[in-house]
PDB file of N, CA and C in Angstrom:
ATOM      1  N   MET A   1      -2.096  -0.069  20.525  1.00  0.00           N
ATOM      2  CA  MET A   1      -0.921   0.947  20.571  1.00  0.00           C
ATOM      3  C   MET A   1       0.041   1.953  19.830  1.00  0.00           C
ATOM      4  N   LYS A   2       0.090   3.174  20.281  1.00  0.00           N
ATOM      5  CA  LYS A   2       0.965   3.794  19.182  1.00  0.00           C
ATOM      6  C   LYS A   2       2.249   3.731  19.250  1.00  0.00           C
ATOM      7  N   LEU A   3       3.155   3.693  19.232  1.00  0.00           N
ATOM      8  CA  LEU A   3       4.954   3.644  18.864  1.00  0.00           C
ATOM      9  C   LEU A   3       5.386   5.411  17.756  1.00  0.00           C
ATOM     10  N   CYS A   4       5.780   5.672  19.094  1.00  0.00           N
ATOM     11  CA  CYS A   4       6.229   6.924  18.021  1.00  0.00           C
ATOM     12  C   CYS A   4       7.906   6.874  17.701  1.00  0.00           C
ATOM     13  N   VAL A   5       8.461   7.738  16.500  1.00  0.00           N
ATOM     14  CA  VAL A   5       9.841   6.806  16.514  1.00  0.00           C
ATOM     15  C   VAL A   5      10.419   8.671  16.512  1.00  0.00           C
ATOM     16  N   ILE A   6      11.069   9.021  17.372  1.00  0.00           N
ATOM     17  CA  ILE A   6      11.353  10.220  17.733  1.00  0.00           C
ATOM     18  C   ILE A   6      12.802  10.659  17.210  1.00  0.00           C
ATOM     19  N   GLY A   7      13.029  11.263  16.054  1.00  0.00           N
ATOM     20  CA  GLY A   7      14.066  11.204  15.074  1.00  0.00           C
ATOM     21  C   GLY A   7      14.094  10.151  13.985  1.00  0.00           C
ATOM     22  N   GLY A   8      12.913  10.167  13.815  1.00  0.00           N
ATOM     23  CA  GLY A   8      12.582   9.020  12.706  1.00  0.00           C
ATOM     24  C   GLY A   8      12.987   9.473  11.130  1.00  0.00           C
ATOM     25  N   ALA A   9      12.675  10.352  11.063  1.00  0.00           N
ATOM     26  CA  ALA A   9      13.645  10.210   9.457  1.00  0.00           C
ATOM     27  C   ALA A   9      14.870  10.369   8.838  1.00  0.00           C
ATOM     28  N   GLY A  10      15.451   9.325   8.950  1.00  0.00           N
ATOM     29  CA  GLY A  10      16.601   9.642   8.771  1.00  0.00           C
ATOM     30  C   GLY A  10      17.230   8.044   7.559  1.00  0.00           C
ATOM     31  N   ALA A  11      18.501   8.566   7.181  1.00  0.00           N
ATOM     32  CA  ALA A  11      18.360   6.846   5.933  1.00  0.00           C
ATOM     33  C   ALA A  11      18.062   5.679   6.219  1.00  0.00           C
ATOM     34  N   ARG A  12      18.171   5.252   7.751  1.00  0.00           N
ATOM     35  CA  ARG A  12      18.015   3.510   8.171  1.00  0.00           C
ATOM     36  C   ARG A  12      16.362   4.072   8.539  1.00  0.00           C
ATOM     37  N   SER A  13      15.226   4.994   8.769  1.00  0.00           N
ATOM     38  CA  SER A  13      14.377   4.514   8.885  1.00  0.00           C
ATOM     39  C   SER A  13      13.336   3.807   8.030  1.00  0.00           C
ATOM     40  N   ALA A  14      13.619   3.250   6.883  1.00  0.00           N
ATOM     41  CA  ALA A  14      12.663   2.728   6.348  1.00  0.00           C
ATOM     42  C   ALA A  14      13.032   1.166   6.463  1.00  0.00           C
ATOM     43  N   PHE A  15      14.168   0.750   7.036  1.00  0.00           N
ATOM     44  CA  PHE A  15      14.884  -0.415   7.273  1.00  0.00           C
ATOM     45  C   PHE A  15      13.904  -0.709   8.544  1.00  0.00           C
ATOM     46  N   LEU A  16      13.871   0.814   9.844  1.00  0.00           N
ATOM     47  CA  LEU A  16      12.997   0.156  10.949  1.00  0.00           C
ATOM     48  C   LEU A  16      11.855   0.050  10.478  1.00  0.00           C
ATOM     49  N   THR A  17      11.362   1.355  10.124  1.00  0.00           N
ATOM     50  CA  THR A  17       9.623   0.812   9.335  1.00  0.00           C
ATOM     51  C   THR A  17       9.212  -0.871   8.666  1.00  0.00           C
ATOM     52  N   LYS A  18      10.327  -0.918   8.113  1.00  0.00           N
ATOM     53  CA  LYS A  18       9.898  -2.715   7.606  1.00  0.00           C
ATOM     54  C   LYS A  18       9.748  -3.758   9.021  1.00  0.00           C
ATOM     55  N   SER A  19      10.998  -3.510   9.449  1.00  0.00           N
ATOM     56  CA  SER A  19      10.960  -4.119  10.953  1.00  0.00           C
ATOM     57  C   SER A  19       9.737  -3.891  12.348  1.00  0.00           C
ATOM     58  N   LEU A  20       9.112  -2.931  11.905  1.00  0.00           N
ATOM     59  CA  LEU A  20       8.133  -2.535  12.937  1.00  0.00           C
ATOM     60  C   LEU A  20       6.891  -3.267  12.519  1.00  0.00           C
ATOM     61  N   VAL A  21       6.688  -2.549  11.459  1.00  0.00           N
ATOM     62  CA  VAL A  21       5.305  -3.164  10.398  1.00  0.00           C
ATOM     63  C   VAL A  21       5.707  -4.458  10.569  1.00  0.00           C
ATOM     64  N   LYS A  22       6.310  -5.288  10.342  1.00  0.00           N
ATOM     65  CA  LYS A  22       6.356  -7.091  10.463  1.00  0.00           C
ATOM     66  C   LYS A  22       5.894  -7.508  11.566  1.00  0.00           C
ATOM     67  N   SER A  23       6.422  -6.281  13.043  1.00  0.00           N
ATOM     68  CA  SER A  23       6.257  -7.152  14.009  1.00  0.00           C
ATOM     69  C   SER A  23       5.123  -6.075  14.715  1.00  0.00           C
ATOM     70  N   ALA A  24       4.420  -5.816  13.730  1.00  0.00           N
ATOM     71  CA  ALA A  24       3.187  -4.698  14.534  1.00  0.00           C
ATOM     72  C   ALA A  24       2.294  -5.436  15.841  1.00  0.00           C
ATOM     73  N   ARG A  25       1.622  -6.455  14.910  1.00  0.00           N
ATOM     74  CA  ARG A  25       0.711  -7.722  15.644  1.00  0.00           C
ATOM     75  C   ARG A  25       1.118  -8.103  17.202  1.00  0.00           C
ATOM     76  N   ASP A  26       2.685  -8.566  16.607  1.00  0.00           N
ATOM     77  CA  ASP A  26       3.679  -9.676  17.866  1.00  0.00           C
ATOM     78  C   ASP A  26       3.225  -8.220  18.920  1.00  0.00           C
ATOM     79  N   ILE A  27       3.434  -7.054  18.735  1.00  0.00           N
ATOM     80  CA  ILE A  27       3.807  -5.923  19.828  1.00  0.00           C
ATOM     81  C   ILE A  27       2.920  -4.961  20.368  1.00  0.00           C
ATOM     82  N   ARG A  28       1.590  -5.531  19.737  1.00  0.00           N
ATOM     83  CA  ARG A  28       0.715  -4.815  19.636  1.00  0.00           C
ATOM     84  C   ARG A  28       0.514  -3.293  19.539  1.00  0.00           C
ATOM     85  N   VAL A  29       1.459  -3.283  18.172  1.00  0.00           N
ATOM     86  CA  VAL A  29       1.354  -2.108  17.688  1.00  0.00           C
ATOM     87  C   VAL A  29       0.526  -2.264  16.740  1.00  0.00           C
ATOM     88  N   ASP A  30      -1.056  -1.270  16.473  1.00  0.00           N
ATOM     89  CA  ASP A  30      -1.193  -0.553  15.839  1.00  0.00           C
ATOM     90  C   ASP A  30      -1.811   0.861  15.114  1.00  0.00           C
ATOM     91  N   HIS A  31      -0.305   1.452  15.218  1.00  0.00           N
ATOM     92  CA  HIS A  31      -0.127   2.909  15.043  1.00  0.00           C
ATOM     93  C   HIS A  31       1.073   3.431  15.327  1.00  0.00           C
ATOM     94  N   ILE A  32       1.706   3.874  14.224  1.00  0.00           N
ATOM     95  CA  ILE A  32       3.307   3.809  14.566  1.00  0.00           C
ATOM     96  C   ILE A  32       3.432   5.263  13.359  1.00  0.00           C
ATOM     97  N   VAL A  33       4.619   6.235  14.168  1.00  0.00           N
ATOM     98  CA  VAL A  33       4.505   8.150  14.179  1.00  0.00           C
ATOM     99  C   VAL A  33       5.816   7.717  14.239  1.00  0.00           C
ATOM    100  N   LEU A  34       6.494   8.634  12.683  1.00  0.00           N
ATOM    101  CA  LEU A  34       7.565   9.540  12.668  1.00  0.00           C
ATOM    102  C   LEU A  34       7.811  10.696  13.022  1.00  0.00           C
ATOM    103  N   LEU A  35       8.672  11.177  14.026  1.00  0.00           N
ATOM    104  CA  LEU A  35       8.654  12.457  14.297  1.00  0.00           C
ATOM    105  C   LEU A  35      10.259  12.923  14.204  1.00  0.00           C
ATOM    106  N   ASP A  36       9.620  13.972  12.823  1.00  0.00           N
ATOM    107  CA  ASP A  36      11.008  14.305  13.002  1.00  0.00           C
ATOM    108  C   ASP A  36      11.100  15.878  12.759  1.00  0.00           C
ATOM    109  N   ASN A  37      12.220  16.982  13.321  1.00  0.00           N
ATOM    110  CA  ASN A  37      12.178  17.849  12.731  1.00  0.00           C
ATOM    111  C   ASN A  37      12.532  18.805  11.938  1.00  0.00           C
ATOM    112  N   ASP A  38      13.630  17.693  10.809  1.00  0.00           N
ATOM    113  CA  ASP A  38      14.115  18.146   9.667  1.00  0.00           C
ATOM    114  C   ASP A  38      12.977  17.918   8.399  1.00  0.00           C
ATOM    115  N   GLN A  39      12.421  19.089   8.223  1.00  0.00           N
ATOM    116  CA  GLN A  39      11.478  18.894   7.020  1.00  0.00           C
ATOM    117  C   GLN A  39      11.811  18.229   5.903  1.00  0.00           C
ATOM    118  N   GLN A  40      13.145  18.464   5.234  1.00  0.00           N
ATOM    119  CA  GLN A  40      13.421  17.739   3.963  1.00  0.00           C
ATOM    120  C   GLN A  40      13.335  15.919   4.392  1.00  0.00           C
ATOM    121  N   LYS A  41      14.157  15.693   5.778  1.00  0.00           N
ATOM    122  CA  LYS A  41      14.592  14.619   5.589  1.00  0.00           C
ATOM    123  C   LYS A  41      13.080  13.218   6.150  1.00  0.00           C
ATOM    124  N   LEU A  42      12.499  14.474   6.360  1.00  0.00           N
ATOM    125  CA  LEU A  42      11.179  13.809   6.407  1.00  0.00           C
ATOM    126  C   LEU A  42      10.199  13.892   5.511  1.00  0.00           C
ATOM    127  N   LYS A  43      10.063  15.277   4.482  1.00  0.00           N
ATOM    128  CA  LYS A  43       9.707  13.972   2.821  1.00  0.00           C
ATOM    129  C   LYS A  43      10.344  13.368   2.554  1.00  0.00           C
ATOM    130  N   THR A  44      11.798  13.389   2.387  1.00  0.00           N
ATOM    131  CA  THR A  44      11.756  12.428   1.554  1.00  0.00           C
ATOM    132  C   THR A  44      12.301  10.447   2.298  1.00  0.00           C
ATOM    133  N   TYR A  45      12.407  10.836   3.167  1.00  0.00           N
ATOM    134  CA  TYR A  45      13.115   9.293   3.918  1.00  0.00           C
ATOM    135  C   TYR A  45      11.364   8.663   4.710  1.00  0.00           C
ATOM    136  N   GLY A  46      10.632  10.038   4.881  1.00  0.00           N
ATOM    137  CA  GLY A  46       9.178   9.905   5.786  1.00  0.00           C
ATOM    138  C   GLY A  46       8.320   9.306   4.771  1.00  0.00           C
ATOM    139  N   GLU A  47       7.903   9.845   3.228  1.00  0.00           N
ATOM    140  CA  GLU A  47       7.292   9.207   2.223  1.00  0.00           C
ATOM    141  C   GLU A  47       7.501   7.475   2.182  1.00  0.00           C
ATOM    142  N   ILE A  48       9.140   7.606   1.981  1.00  0.00           N
ATOM    143  CA  ILE A  48       9.523   6.216   1.196  1.00  0.00           C
ATOM    144  C   ILE A  48       9.183   5.160   2.379  1.00  0.00           C
ATOM    145  N   SER A  49       8.989   5.630   4.122  1.00  0.00           N
ATOM    146  CA  SER A  49       9.065   4.738   4.635  1.00  0.00           C
ATOM    147  C   SER A  49       7.094   4.537   4.959  1.00  0.00           C
ATOM    148  N   ARG A  50       6.683   5.865   5.119  1.00  0.00           N
ATOM    149  CA  ARG A  50       5.206   5.925   4.736  1.00  0.00           C
ATOM    150  C   ARG A  50       4.460   4.307   3.479  1.00  0.00           C
ATOM    151  N   GLU A  51       5.224   4.879   2.512  1.00  0.00           N
ATOM    152  CA  GLU A  51       4.882   4.091   1.286  1.00  0.00           C
ATOM    153  C   GLU A  51       4.823   2.465   1.645  1.00  0.00           C
ATOM    154  N   LEU A  52       6.114   2.179   2.594  1.00  0.00           N
ATOM    155  CA  LEU A  52       6.809   0.545   2.711  1.00  0.00           C
ATOM    156  C   LEU A  52       5.882   0.741   3.466  1.00  0.00           C
ATOM    157  N   ALA A  53       4.951   1.194   4.757  1.00  0.00           N
ATOM    158  CA  ALA A  53       4.217   0.363   5.232  1.00  0.00           C
ATOM    159  C   ALA A  53       2.873   0.077   4.872  1.00  0.00           C
ATOM    160  N   ARG A  54       2.030   1.095   3.761  1.00  0.00           N
ATOM    161  CA  ARG A  54       1.100   1.190   3.315  1.00  0.00           C
ATOM    162  C   ARG A  54       1.113   0.025   2.098  1.00  0.00           C
ATOM    163  N   ARG A  55       2.256  -0.418   2.188  1.00  0.00           N
ATOM    164  CA  ARG A  55       2.233  -1.669   1.243  1.00  0.00           C
ATOM    165  C   ARG A  55       2.490  -3.529   1.970  1.00  0.00           C
ATOM    166  N   LEU A  56       3.457  -3.004   3.171  1.00  0.00           N
ATOM    167  CA  LEU A  56       3.449  -4.519   4.139  1.00  0.00           C
ATOM    168  C   LEU A  56       1.938  -4.644   4.668  1.00  0.00           C
ATOM    169  N   ASP A  57       1.587  -3.354   4.994  1.00  0.00           N
ATOM    170  CA  ASP A  57      -0.057  -3.901   5.761  1.00  0.00           C
ATOM    171  C   ASP A  57      -0.651  -2.108   6.072  1.00  0.00           C
ATOM    172  N   PRO A  58      -1.945  -2.540   5.252  1.00  0.00           N
ATOM    173  CA  PRO A  58      -2.598  -1.165   4.873  1.00  0.00           C
ATOM    174  C   PRO A  58      -3.967  -0.919   5.881  1.00  0.00           C
ATOM    175  N   ASP A  59      -4.070  -1.837   6.823  1.00  0.00           N
ATOM    176  CA  ASP A  59      -4.756  -1.566   7.841  1.00  0.00           C
ATOM    177  C   ASP A  59      -3.917  -0.730   8.953  1.00  0.00           C
ATOM    178  N   LEU A  60      -2.782  -0.476   9.310  1.00  0.00           N
ATOM    179  CA  LEU A  60      -1.973   0.096  10.124  1.00  0.00           C
ATOM    180  C   LEU A  60      -1.466   1.247  10.231  1.00  0.00           C
ATOM    181  N   THR A  61      -2.361   1.875  10.553  1.00  0.00           N
ATOM    182  CA  THR A  61      -2.069   3.425  11.430  1.00  0.00           C
ATOM    183  C   THR A  61      -0.947   3.695  10.928  1.00  0.00           C
ATOM    184  N   PHE A  62      -0.540   5.046   9.932  1.00  0.00           N
ATOM    185  CA  PHE A  62       1.146   5.052  10.158  1.00  0.00           C
ATOM    186  C   PHE A  62       1.356   6.482   9.644  1.00  0.00           C
ATOM    187  N   GLU A  63       1.921   7.374  10.442  1.00  0.00           N
ATOM    188  CA  GLU A  63       2.148   8.763  10.130  1.00  0.00           C
ATOM    189  C   GLU A  63       3.443   9.030  10.378  1.00  0.00           C
ATOM    190  N   VAL A  64       3.935  10.339   9.414  1.00  0.00           N
ATOM    191  CA  VAL A  64       5.339  11.147   9.554  1.00  0.00           C
ATOM    192  C   VAL A  64       4.333  12.251  10.056  1.00  0.00           C
ATOM    193  N   THR A  65       5.280  13.077  10.678  1.00  0.00           N
ATOM    194  CA  THR A  65       4.925  14.382  11.331  1.00  0.00           C
ATOM    195  C   THR A  65       6.239  15.194  11.951  1.00  0.00           C
ATOM    196  N   PRO A  66       6.020  16.707  11.402  1.00  0.00           N
ATOM    197  CA  PRO A  66       7.256  17.577  11.770  1.00  0.00           C
ATOM    198  C   PRO A  66       6.909  17.948  13.908  1.00  0.00           C
ATOM    199  N   ASP A  67       6.028  18.414  13.775  1.00  0.00           N
ATOM    200  CA  ASP A  67       5.606  18.737  14.742  1.00  0.00           C
ATOM    201  C   ASP A  67       4.617  18.137  16.632  1.00  0.00           C
ATOM    202  N   GLY A  68       4.887  16.745  16.078  1.00  0.00           N
ATOM    203  CA  GLY A  68       4.716  15.834  17.152  1.00  0.00           C
ATOM    204  C   GLY A  68       2.546  16.127  17.668  1.00  0.00           C
ATOM    205  N   SER A  69       2.319  16.653  16.225  1.00  0.00           N
ATOM    206  CA  SER A  69       0.858  16.655  16.261  1.00  0.00           C
ATOM    207  C   SER A  69      -0.142  14.990  16.302  1.00  0.00           C
ATOM    208  N   GLY A  70       0.972  13.992  16.066  1.00  0.00           N
ATOM    209  CA  GLY A  70       0.881  12.229  16.117  1.00  0.00           C
ATOM    210  C   GLY A  70       0.552  12.003  17.349  1.00  0.00           C
ATOM    211  N   LEU A  71       1.149  12.588  18.270  1.00  0.00           N
ATOM    212  CA  LEU A  71       1.362  11.991  19.795  1.00  0.00           C
ATOM    213  C   LEU A  71       0.453  12.764  20.645  1.00  0.00           C
ATOM    214  N   HIS A  72      -0.852  13.640  20.087  1.00  0.00           N
ATOM    215  CA  HIS A  72      -2.124  13.566  21.139  1.00  0.00           C
ATOM    216  C   HIS A  72      -2.347  12.160  21.573  1.00  0.00           C
ATOM    217  N   HIS A  73      -2.572  12.355  22.448  1.00  0.00           N
ATOM    218  CA  HIS A  73      -2.731  10.570  23.465  1.00  0.00           C
ATOM    219  C   HIS A  73      -4.653  10.685  23.879  1.00  0.00           C
ATOM    220  N   HIS A  74      -5.187  10.638  23.712  1.00  0.00           N
ATOM    221  CA  HIS A  74      -6.716  10.671  24.501  1.00  0.00           C
ATOM    222  C   HIS A  74      -6.724   9.305  25.608  1.00  0.00           C
ATOM    223  N   HIS A  75      -7.187   9.542  26.869  1.00  0.00           N
ATOM    224  CA  HIS A  75      -7.545   8.049  27.754  1.00  0.00           C
ATOM    225  C   HIS A  75      -8.114   8.119  27.235  1.00  0.00           C
ATOM    226  N   HIS A  76      -7.933   6.321  27.649  1.00  0.00           N
ATOM    227  CA  HIS A  76      -8.750   5.664  27.390  1.00  0.00           C
ATOM    228  C   HIS A  76      -8.672   4.467  28.729  1.00  0.00           C
ATOM    229  N   PRO A  77      -9.606   4.351  29.717  1.00  0.00           N
ATOM    230  CA  PRO A  77      -9.715   3.856  30.863  1.00  0.00           C
ATOM    231  C   PRO A  77      -9.316   2.543  30.519  1.00  0.00           C
ATOM    232  N   GLY A  78      -8.676   1.865  31.152  1.00  0.00           N
ATOM    233  CA  GLY A  78      -8.180   0.545  31.147  1.00  0.00           C
ATOM    234  C   GLY A  78      -6.788   0.286  30.457  1.00  0.00           C
ATOM    235  N   ARG A  79      -6.340   1.272  29.487  1.00  0.00           N
ATOM    236  CA  ARG A  79      -5.436   1.554  28.395  1.00  0.00           C
ATOM    237  C   ARG A  79      -4.164   2.046  29.311  1.00  0.00           C
ATOM    238  N   ARG A  80      -4.044   2.378  30.060  1.00  0.00           N
ATOM    239  CA  ARG A  80      -3.093   3.300  30.498  1.00  0.00           C
ATOM    240  C   ARG A  80      -1.512   2.337  30.037  1.00  0.00           C
ATOM    241  N   GLY A  81      -0.484   3.138  30.272  1.00  0.00           N
ATOM    242  CA  GLY A  81       0.485   2.326  29.664  1.00  0.00           C
ATOM    243  C   GLY A  81       1.062   2.030  28.438  1.00  0.00           C
ATOM    244  N   ARG A  82      -0.107   2.096  27.561  1.00  0.00           N
ATOM    245  CA  ARG A  82      -0.268   1.643  25.856  1.00  0.00           C
ATOM    246  C   ARG A  82       0.533   2.308  24.905  1.00  0.00           C
ATOM    247  N   ARG A  83       1.544   3.454  25.494  1.00  0.00           N
ATOM    248  CA  ARG A  83       2.229   4.084  24.629  1.00  0.00           C
ATOM    249  C   ARG A  83       3.742   3.747  24.355  1.00  0.00           C
ATOM    250  N   ALA A  84       4.339   3.787  23.562  1.00  0.00           N
ATOM    251  CA  ALA A  84       6.033   3.810  23.482  1.00  0.00           C
ATOM    252  C   ALA A  84       6.529   4.440  22.658  1.00  0.00           C
ATOM    253  N   ALA A  85       7.460   5.287  23.093  1.00  0.00           N
ATOM    254  CA  ALA A  85       8.490   5.792  22.512  1.00  0.00           C
ATOM    255  C   ALA A  85       9.635   5.697  22.537  1.00  0.00           C
ATOM    256  N   VAL A  86      10.163   6.006  21.287  1.00  0.00           N
ATOM    257  CA  VAL A  86      11.543   4.550  20.944  1.00  0.00           C
ATOM    258  C   VAL A  86      12.492   5.701  20.193  1.00  0.00           C
TER     259      VAL A  86
END
């Protein structure tokens, strides 16, 4: 499942990222996207979160984006309702 955090590039995003990555398998998340329209915060806090996620679980897909490009969803039969937004 893909989980998108809207407004995800703030001072606390690294803490949230750590919690989400550590729980990802338990909550069936294999893809995390931080979405924020503040380019500077995304560059700073998003990249800290990306590196943290990579170190904690290199197999997890982790993205930071200002434009929602990571939100595109392809329909897979039998997988309805497997998206989440926080």
